Structure formats: structure tokens, C-alpha cells
Amino acid sequence: MSEPMVKVRPSPVREGVLVVEMDEAGFDLFRRLLDRAEPRGNDNPKNFAAIKDRIAGAFIAGAHVMGWKG
């Protein structure tokens, strides 16, 4: 695996929005991190799972657009 590239920067066109840039190696690390995420203490497990699924879906869609396996 090459050195992963993950960058976050403010959007140049939308105030209050962050843009995440990553290569396939960075995506793989993020996906593995997301796979291991578990709710903590007073987190509502149902809400946590819904948010986790939404984030995972966004990243899987991005990987599909890029032609990455995911």
C-alpha cells in the first residue's frame, strides 16, 4: 500500500463546508477505521448506526465514482 493521502480543507465555494481529499490508500484506511467504529457511553446505538451508515454510503459512492474497490 502506498503512503495514504488524506487532506481536509475549507470549501472554496461553500462557506461552512469542509472538502475531504483522499487517494485510494487513504480511502482504504478511512473505510477500515469506520468499520471499527462503535458507539460510546451515552451514544444512542440506533442513531450511531444510522450516522455510520450514512457516512459509509457517501464514501462507498465516492469510491464507486473513482473506480476504487470498496
PDB file of N, CA and C in Angstrom:
ATOM      1  N   MET A   1       0.849  -1.173   0.000  1.00  0.00           N
ATOM      2  CA  MET A   1       0.000   0.000   0.000  1.00  0.00           C
ATOM      3  C   MET A   1       0.895   1.236   0.000  1.00  0.00           C
ATOM      4  N   SER A   2       0.582   2.191  -0.879  1.00  0.00           N
ATOM      5  CA  SER A   2       1.353   3.430  -0.921  1.00  0.00           C
ATOM      6  C   SER A   2       1.013   4.304   0.278  1.00  0.00           C
ATOM      7  N   GLU A   3       1.810   5.337   0.478  1.00  0.00           N
ATOM      8  CA  GLU A   3       1.553   6.273   1.576  1.00  0.00           C
ATOM      9  C   GLU A   3       0.181   6.920   1.353  1.00  0.00           C
ATOM     10  N   PRO A   4      -0.735   6.782   2.302  1.00  0.00           N
ATOM     11  CA  PRO A   4      -2.079   7.327   2.099  1.00  0.00           C
ATOM     12  C   PRO A   4      -2.089   8.855   2.098  1.00  0.00           C
ATOM     13  N   MET A   5      -2.945   9.420   1.271  1.00  0.00           N
ATOM     14  CA  MET A   5      -3.121  10.863   1.215  1.00  0.00           C
ATOM     15  C   MET A   5      -4.543  11.168   1.670  1.00  0.00           C
ATOM     16  N   VAL A   6      -4.658  11.905   2.764  1.00  0.00           N
ATOM     17  CA  VAL A   6      -5.948  12.371   3.255  1.00  0.00           C
ATOM     18  C   VAL A   6      -5.761  13.834   3.641  1.00  0.00           C
ATOM     19  N   LYS A   7      -6.552  14.710   3.032  1.00  0.00           N
ATOM     20  CA  LYS A   7      -6.484  16.142   3.329  1.00  0.00           C
ATOM     21  C   LYS A   7      -7.898  16.663   3.529  1.00  0.00           C
ATOM     22  N   VAL A   8      -8.027  17.619   4.415  1.00  0.00           N
ATOM     23  CA  VAL A   8      -9.293  18.304   4.632  1.00  0.00           C
ATOM     24  C   VAL A   8      -9.016  19.794   4.530  1.00  0.00           C
ATOM     25  N   ARG A   9      -9.885  20.483   3.785  1.00  0.00           N
ATOM     26  CA  ARG A   9      -9.709  21.927   3.602  1.00  0.00           C
ATOM     27  C   ARG A   9     -11.081  22.575   3.508  1.00  0.00           C
ATOM     28  N   PRO A  10     -11.141  23.877   3.772  1.00  0.00           N
ATOM     29  CA  PRO A  10     -12.414  24.570   3.606  1.00  0.00           C
ATOM     30  C   PRO A  10     -12.818  24.592   2.130  1.00  0.00           C
ATOM     31  N   SER A  11     -14.100  24.518   1.874  1.00  0.00           N
ATOM     32  CA  SER A  11     -14.597  24.600   0.503  1.00  0.00           C
ATOM     33  C   SER A  11     -14.358  26.002  -0.045  1.00  0.00           C
ATOM     34  N   PRO A  12     -13.872  26.101  -1.285  1.00  0.00           N
ATOM     35  CA  PRO A  12     -13.688  27.429  -1.873  1.00  0.00           C
ATOM     36  C   PRO A  12     -15.008  28.055  -2.337  1.00  0.00           C
ATOM     37  N   VAL A  13     -16.084  27.279  -2.394  1.00  0.00           N
ATOM     38  CA  VAL A  13     -17.344  27.801  -2.933  1.00  0.00           C
ATOM     39  C   VAL A  13     -18.504  27.787  -1.943  1.00  0.00           C
ATOM     40  N   ARG A  14     -18.383  27.035  -0.824  1.00  0.00           N
ATOM     41  CA  ARG A  14     -19.477  26.962   0.144  1.00  0.00           C
ATOM     42  C   ARG A  14     -18.956  27.208   1.544  1.00  0.00           C
ATOM     43  N   GLU A  15     -19.399  28.292   2.145  1.00  0.00           N
ATOM     44  CA  GLU A  15     -18.969  28.637   3.496  1.00  0.00           C
ATOM     45  C   GLU A  15     -19.498  27.609   4.492  1.00  0.00           C
ATOM     46  N   GLY A  16     -18.664  27.234   5.459  1.00  0.00           N
ATOM     47  CA  GLY A  16     -19.067  26.289   6.492  1.00  0.00           C
ATOM     48  C   GLY A  16     -19.006  24.835   6.059  1.00  0.00           C
ATOM     49  N   VAL A  17     -18.348  24.563   4.923  1.00  0.00           N
ATOM     50  CA  VAL A  17     -18.261  23.204   4.390  1.00  0.00           C
ATOM     51  C   VAL A  17     -16.796  22.812   4.269  1.00  0.00           C
ATOM     52  N   LEU A  18     -16.484  21.596   4.696  1.00  0.00           N
ATOM     53  CA  LEU A  18     -15.140  21.053   4.521  1.00  0.00           C
ATOM     54  C   LEU A  18     -15.125  20.126   3.313  1.00  0.00           C
ATOM     55  N   VAL A  19     -14.015  20.116   2.608  1.00  0.00           N
ATOM     56  CA  VAL A  19     -13.809  19.218   1.472  1.00  0.00           C
ATOM     57  C   VAL A  19     -12.744  18.217   1.884  1.00  0.00           C
ATOM     58  N   VAL A  20     -13.039  16.930   1.725  1.00  0.00           N
ATOM     59  CA  VAL A  20     -12.089  15.871   2.049  1.00  0.00           C
ATOM     60  C   VAL A  20     -11.487  15.362   0.740  1.00  0.00           C
ATOM     61  N   GLU A  21     -10.170  15.356   0.668  1.00  0.00           N
ATOM     62  CA  GLU A  21      -9.469  14.811  -0.485  1.00  0.00           C
ATOM     63  C   GLU A  21      -8.690  13.590  -0.031  1.00  0.00           C
ATOM     64  N   MET A  22      -8.806  12.498  -0.764  1.00  0.00           N
ATOM     65  CA  MET A  22      -8.044  11.307  -0.415  1.00  0.00           C
ATOM     66  C   MET A  22      -7.787  10.481  -1.659  1.00  0.00           C
ATOM     67  N   ASP A  23      -6.725   9.724  -1.590  1.00  0.00           N
ATOM     68  CA  ASP A  23      -6.453   8.770  -2.652  1.00  0.00           C
ATOM     69  C   ASP A  23      -7.004   7.411  -2.223  1.00  0.00           C
ATOM     70  N   GLU A  24      -6.792   6.403  -3.031  1.00  0.00           N
ATOM     71  CA  GLU A  24      -7.355   5.083  -2.728  1.00  0.00           C
ATOM     72  C   GLU A  24      -6.800   4.509  -1.425  1.00  0.00           C
ATOM     73  N   ALA A  25      -5.512   4.738  -1.158  1.00  0.00           N
ATOM     74  CA  ALA A  25      -4.917   4.237   0.092  1.00  0.00           C
ATOM     75  C   ALA A  25      -5.534   4.944   1.297  1.00  0.00           C
ATOM     76  N   GLY A  26      -5.776   6.255   1.197  1.00  0.00           N
ATOM     77  CA  GLY A  26      -6.436   6.992   2.267  1.00  0.00           C
ATOM     78  C   GLY A  26      -7.866   6.526   2.463  1.00  0.00           C
ATOM     79  N   PHE A  27      -8.557   6.231   1.353  1.00  0.00           N
ATOM     80  CA  PHE A  27      -9.913   5.706   1.430  1.00  0.00           C
ATOM     81  C   PHE A  27      -9.930   4.370   2.160  1.00  0.00           C
ATOM     82  N   ASP A  28      -8.974   3.502   1.847  1.00  0.00           N
ATOM     83  CA  ASP A  28      -8.922   2.196   2.491  1.00  0.00           C
ATOM     84  C   ASP A  28      -8.739   2.338   4.004  1.00  0.00           C
ATOM     85  N   LEU A  29      -7.855   3.231   4.427  1.00  0.00           N
ATOM     86  CA  LEU A  29      -7.655   3.454   5.866  1.00  0.00           C
ATOM     87  C   LEU A  29      -8.927   4.005   6.511  1.00  0.00           C
ATOM     88  N   PHE A  30      -9.573   4.963   5.858  1.00  0.00           N
ATOM     89  CA  PHE A  30     -10.792   5.529   6.413  1.00  0.00           C
ATOM     90  C   PHE A  30     -11.885   4.468   6.520  1.00  0.00           C
ATOM     91  N   ARG A  31     -12.034   3.644   5.484  1.00  0.00           N
ATOM     92  CA  ARG A  31     -13.044   2.577   5.494  1.00  0.00           C
ATOM     93  C   ARG A  31     -12.791   1.610   6.647  1.00  0.00           C
ATOM     94  N   ARG A  32     -11.527   1.233   6.866  1.00  0.00           N
ATOM     95  CA  ARG A  32     -11.197   0.318   7.960  1.00  0.00           C
ATOM     96  C   ARG A  32     -11.484   0.954   9.313  1.00  0.00           C
ATOM     97  N   LEU A  33     -11.197   2.247   9.437  1.00  0.00           N
ATOM     98  CA  LEU A  33     -11.492   2.960  10.680  1.00  0.00           C
ATOM     99  C   LEU A  33     -12.997   3.004  10.922  1.00  0.00           C
ATOM    100  N   LEU A  34     -13.764   3.307   9.891  1.00  0.00           N
ATOM    101  CA  LEU A  34     -15.215   3.355  10.014  1.00  0.00           C
ATOM    102  C   LEU A  34     -15.794   1.989  10.374  1.00  0.00           C
ATOM    103  N   ASP A  35     -15.240   0.920   9.802  1.00  0.00           N
ATOM    104  CA  ASP A  35     -15.700  -0.439  10.110  1.00  0.00           C
ATOM    105  C   ASP A  35     -15.554  -0.765  11.602  1.00  0.00           C
ATOM    106  N   ARG A  36     -14.563  -0.170  12.254  1.00  0.00           N
ATOM    107  CA  ARG A  36     -14.290  -0.470  13.668  1.00  0.00           C
ATOM    108  C   ARG A  36     -15.010   0.465  14.638  1.00  0.00           C
ATOM    109  N   ALA A  37     -15.643   1.508  14.122  1.00  0.00           N
ATOM    110  CA  ALA A  37     -16.292   2.496  14.989  1.00  0.00           C
ATOM    111  C   ALA A  37     -17.464   1.868  15.745  1.00  0.00           C
ATOM    112  N   GLU A  38     -17.533   2.147  17.030  1.00  0.00           N
ATOM    113  CA  GLU A  38     -18.589   1.642  17.903  1.00  0.00           C
ATOM    114  C   GLU A  38     -19.118   2.804  18.738  1.00  0.00           C
ATOM    115  N   PRO A  39     -20.412   2.765  19.109  1.00  0.00           N
ATOM    116  CA  PRO A  39     -20.946   3.834  19.961  1.00  0.00           C
ATOM    117  C   PRO A  39     -20.278   3.823  21.342  1.00  0.00           C
ATOM    118  N   ARG A  40     -20.166   5.010  21.935  1.00  0.00           N
ATOM    119  CA  ARG A  40     -19.584   5.134  23.266  1.00  0.00           C
ATOM    120  C   ARG A  40     -20.635   5.538  24.276  1.00  0.00           C
ATOM    121  N   GLY A  41     -20.367   5.240  25.505  1.00  0.00           N
ATOM    122  CA  GLY A  41     -21.132   5.697  26.663  1.00  0.00           C
ATOM    123  C   GLY A  41     -22.586   6.011  26.422  1.00  0.00           C
ATOM    124  N   ASN A  42     -22.888   7.315  26.328  1.00  0.00           N
ATOM    125  CA  ASN A  42     -24.283   7.726  26.229  1.00  0.00           C
ATOM    126  C   ASN A  42     -24.768   7.893  24.789  1.00  0.00           C
ATOM    127  N   ASP A  43     -24.017   7.412  23.789  1.00  0.00           N
ATOM    128  CA  ASP A  43     -24.467   7.452  22.402  1.00  0.00           C
ATOM    129  C   ASP A  43     -25.697   6.559  22.236  1.00  0.00           C
ATOM    130  N   ASN A  44     -26.644   7.013  21.473  1.00  0.00           N
ATOM    131  CA  ASN A  44     -27.802   6.203  21.133  1.00  0.00           C
ATOM    132  C   ASN A  44     -27.358   5.230  20.038  1.00  0.00           C
ATOM    133  N   PRO A  45     -27.344   3.926  20.308  1.00  0.00           N
ATOM    134  CA  PRO A  45     -26.841   2.959  19.320  1.00  0.00           C
ATOM    135  C   PRO A  45     -27.560   3.017  17.975  1.00  0.00           C
ATOM    136  N   LYS A  46     -28.864   3.268  17.984  1.00  0.00           N
ATOM    137  CA  LYS A  46     -29.621   3.336  16.735  1.00  0.00           C
ATOM    138  C   LYS A  46     -29.214   4.568  15.910  1.00  0.00           C
ATOM    139  N   ASN A  47     -29.100   5.718  16.566  1.00  0.00           N
ATOM    140  CA  ASN A  47     -28.659   6.933  15.875  1.00  0.00           C
ATOM    141  C   ASN A  47     -27.221   6.791  15.387  1.00  0.00           C
ATOM    142  N   PHE A  48     -26.373   6.190  16.218  1.00  0.00           N
ATOM    143  CA  PHE A  48     -24.975   5.988  15.832  1.00  0.00           C
ATOM    144  C   PHE A  48     -24.897   5.134  14.572  1.00  0.00           C
ATOM    145  N   ALA A  49     -25.649   4.038  14.540  1.00  0.00           N
ATOM    146  CA  ALA A  49     -25.640   3.150  13.377  1.00  0.00           C
ATOM    147  C   ALA A  49     -26.145   3.871  12.134  1.00  0.00           C
ATOM    148  N   ALA A  50     -27.168   4.714  12.282  1.00  0.00           N
ATOM    149  CA  ALA A  50     -27.712   5.446  11.139  1.00  0.00           C
ATOM    150  C   ALA A  50     -26.689   6.430  10.580  1.00  0.00           C
ATOM    151  N   ILE A  51     -25.992   7.138  11.463  1.00  0.00           N
ATOM    152  CA  ILE A  51     -24.971   8.093  11.023  1.00  0.00           C
ATOM    153  C   ILE A  51     -23.802   7.353  10.377  1.00  0.00           C
ATOM    154  N   LYS A  52     -23.383   6.261  10.992  1.00  0.00           N
ATOM    155  CA  LYS A  52     -22.284   5.459  10.448  1.00  0.00           C
ATOM    156  C   LYS A  52     -22.645   4.943   9.048  1.00  0.00           C
ATOM    157  N   ASP A  53     -23.879   4.482   8.868  1.00  0.00           N
ATOM    158  CA  ASP A  53     -24.319   4.000   7.557  1.00  0.00           C
ATOM    159  C   ASP A  53     -24.342   5.127   6.525  1.00  0.00           C
ATOM    160  N   ARG A  54     -24.756   6.320   6.949  1.00  0.00           N
ATOM    161  CA  ARG A  54     -24.799   7.461   6.027  1.00  0.00           C
ATOM    162  C   ARG A  54     -23.392   7.849   5.567  1.00  0.00           C
ATOM    163  N   ILE A  55     -22.458   7.894   6.506  1.00  0.00           N
ATOM    164  CA  ILE A  55     -21.071   8.224   6.157  1.00  0.00           C
ATOM    165  C   ILE A  55     -20.479   7.142   5.263  1.00  0.00           C
ATOM    166  N   ALA A  56     -20.690   5.889   5.629  1.00  0.00           N
ATOM    167  CA  ALA A  56     -20.172   4.784   4.815  1.00  0.00           C
ATOM    168  C   ALA A  56     -20.759   4.824   3.410  1.00  0.00           C
ATOM    169  N   GLY A  57     -22.040   5.107   3.290  1.00  0.00           N
ATOM    170  CA  GLY A  57     -22.673   5.186   1.982  1.00  0.00           C
ATOM    171  C   GLY A  57     -22.084   6.275   1.115  1.00  0.00           C
ATOM    172  N   ALA A  58     -21.819   7.427   1.712  1.00  0.00           N
ATOM    173  CA  ALA A  58     -21.222   8.531   0.960  1.00  0.00           C
ATOM    174  C   ALA A  58     -19.836   8.151   0.450  1.00  0.00           C
ATOM    175  N   PHE A  59     -19.044   7.505   1.293  1.00  0.00           N
ATOM    176  CA  PHE A  59     -17.700   7.128   0.885  1.00  0.00           C
ATOM    177  C   PHE A  59     -17.707   5.984  -0.124  1.00  0.00           C
ATOM    178  N   ILE A  60     -18.636   5.056   0.012  1.00  0.00           N
ATOM    179  CA  ILE A  60     -18.735   3.969  -0.967  1.00  0.00           C
ATOM    180  C   ILE A  60     -19.154   4.530  -2.326  1.00  0.00           C
ATOM    181  N   ALA A  61     -20.083   5.492  -2.322  1.00  0.00           N
ATOM    182  CA  ALA A  61     -20.482   6.128  -3.581  1.00  0.00           C
ATOM    183  C   ALA A  61     -19.297   6.845  -4.219  1.00  0.00           C
ATOM    184  N   GLY A  62     -18.526   7.543  -3.407  1.00  0.00           N
ATOM    185  CA  GLY A  62     -17.334   8.221  -3.927  1.00  0.00           C
ATOM    186  C   GLY A  62     -16.324   7.247  -4.493  1.00  0.00           C
ATOM    187  N   ALA A  63     -16.115   6.147  -3.808  1.00  0.00           N
ATOM    188  CA  ALA A  63     -15.170   5.135  -4.298  1.00  0.00           C
ATOM    189  C   ALA A  63     -15.664   4.535  -5.617  1.00  0.00           C
ATOM    190  N   HIS A  64     -16.960   4.341  -5.722  1.00  0.00           N
ATOM    191  CA  HIS A  64     -17.524   3.798  -6.976  1.00  0.00           C
ATOM    192  C   HIS A  64     -17.271   4.762  -8.134  1.00  0.00           C
ATOM    193  N   VAL A  65     -17.499   6.050  -7.892  1.00  0.00           N
ATOM    194  CA  VAL A  65     -17.261   7.054  -8.923  1.00  0.00           C
ATOM    195  C   VAL A  65     -15.790   7.067  -9.357  1.00  0.00           C
ATOM    196  N   MET A  66     -14.904   6.853  -8.387  1.00  0.00           N
ATOM    197  CA  MET A  66     -13.464   6.865  -8.684  1.00  0.00           C
ATOM    198  C   MET A  66     -12.987   5.544  -9.293  1.00  0.00           C
ATOM    199  N   GLY A  67     -13.832   4.515  -9.256  1.00  0.00           N
ATOM    200  CA  GLY A  67     -13.430   3.210  -9.774  1.00  0.00           C
ATOM    201  C   GLY A  67     -12.584   2.413  -8.806  1.00  0.00           C
ATOM    202  N   TRP A  68     -12.667   2.744  -7.499  1.00  0.00           N
ATOM    203  CA  TRP A  68     -11.908   2.030  -6.477  1.00  0.00           C
ATOM    204  C   TRP A  68     -12.732   0.873  -5.962  1.00  0.00           C
ATOM    205  N   LYS A  69     -12.046  -0.187  -5.577  1.00  0.00           N
ATOM    206  CA  LYS A  69     -12.770  -1.274  -4.926  1.00  0.00           C
ATOM    207  C   LYS A  69     -13.121  -0.822  -3.515  1.00  0.00           C
ATOM    208  N   GLY A  70     -14.264  -1.155  -3.045  1.00  0.00           N
ATOM    209  CA  GLY A  70     -14.653  -0.672  -1.732  1.00  0.00           C
ATOM    210  C   GLY A  70     -15.672  -1.575  -1.136  1.00  0.00           C
TER     211      GLY A  70
END
